[in-house]
Protein backbone atom coordinates (compact mmCIF):
# COMPACT_ATOMS: atom_id res chain seq x y z
CA MET A 1 -56.96 13.61 -65.35
CA SER A 2 -60.14 13.16 -67.36
CA SER A 3 -62.80 15.83 -67.82
CA ASP A 4 -65.57 13.26 -68.37
CA TYR A 5 -67.70 13.51 -65.22
CA PRO A 6 -70.93 11.57 -64.83
CA ARG A 7 -73.95 13.71 -63.97
CA GLY A 8 -73.96 12.43 -60.39
CA ASP A 9 -70.32 13.15 -59.55
CA GLN A 10 -69.00 16.42 -58.18
CA ALA A 11 -67.07 18.37 -60.80
CA PRO A 12 -64.03 20.40 -59.72
CA ALA A 13 -64.51 24.10 -59.02
CA GLY A 14 -63.93 26.23 -62.10
CA PRO A 15 -65.21 29.18 -64.13
CA ARG A 16 -68.04 27.04 -65.56
CA ARG A 17 -71.02 26.47 -63.29
CA PRO A 18 -73.52 23.77 -64.27
CA MET A 19 -76.64 25.57 -63.02
CA PRO A 20 -76.29 29.37 -62.75
CA THR A 21 -79.14 31.29 -61.17
CA PRO A 22 -80.82 33.28 -63.98
CA SER A 23 -82.50 35.79 -61.68
CA PRO A 24 -81.88 37.05 -58.13
CA GLY A 25 -84.32 36.50 -55.31
CA PRO A 26 -86.17 33.43 -54.01
CA PHE A 27 -87.40 30.87 -56.52
CA ASN A 28 -91.10 31.16 -57.31
CA PRO A 29 -92.62 28.10 -59.05
CA ASP A 30 -95.49 30.29 -60.26
CA ASP A 31 -93.12 32.47 -62.30
CA PRO A 32 -92.68 31.45 -65.97
CA PRO A 33 -89.19 30.40 -67.13
CA PRO A 34 -86.97 33.24 -68.43
CA ASP A 35 -87.39 31.92 -71.99
CA GLU A 36 -91.20 32.00 -71.78
CA VAL A 37 -91.80 35.43 -70.25
CA PRO A 38 -94.73 37.03 -72.10
CA VAL A 39 -94.02 40.45 -73.56
CA ASP A 40 -96.91 42.46 -72.14
CA ASP A 41 -95.15 45.82 -72.27
CA PRO A 42 -92.37 45.94 -74.87
CA ILE A 43 -89.75 48.58 -74.15
CA GLU A 44 -89.84 51.23 -76.85
CA PRO A 45 -87.43 54.18 -76.90
CA ASP A 46 -89.16 57.50 -76.31
CA GLU A 47 -88.69 60.20 -78.93
CA GLU A 48 -87.34 62.55 -76.28
CA ASP A 49 -85.01 59.94 -74.79
CA GLU A 50 -83.07 58.61 -77.77
CA GLY A 51 -79.69 59.67 -76.41
CA PRO A 52 -77.66 62.42 -74.76
CA VAL A 53 -78.59 65.90 -75.91
CA ILE A 54 -75.53 67.96 -76.76
């Protein structure tokens, strides 16, 4: 059995999925791709929330 499948053929079910959904919810063509999301509000750790206080 060969693992060389043309792009048009159906590949057998397995752990690898050709097109996984990057984000849940309905697809919105107005949303930028995950790789091009502008960083408007970078997450910075607060001084009072750096970890568990013992």
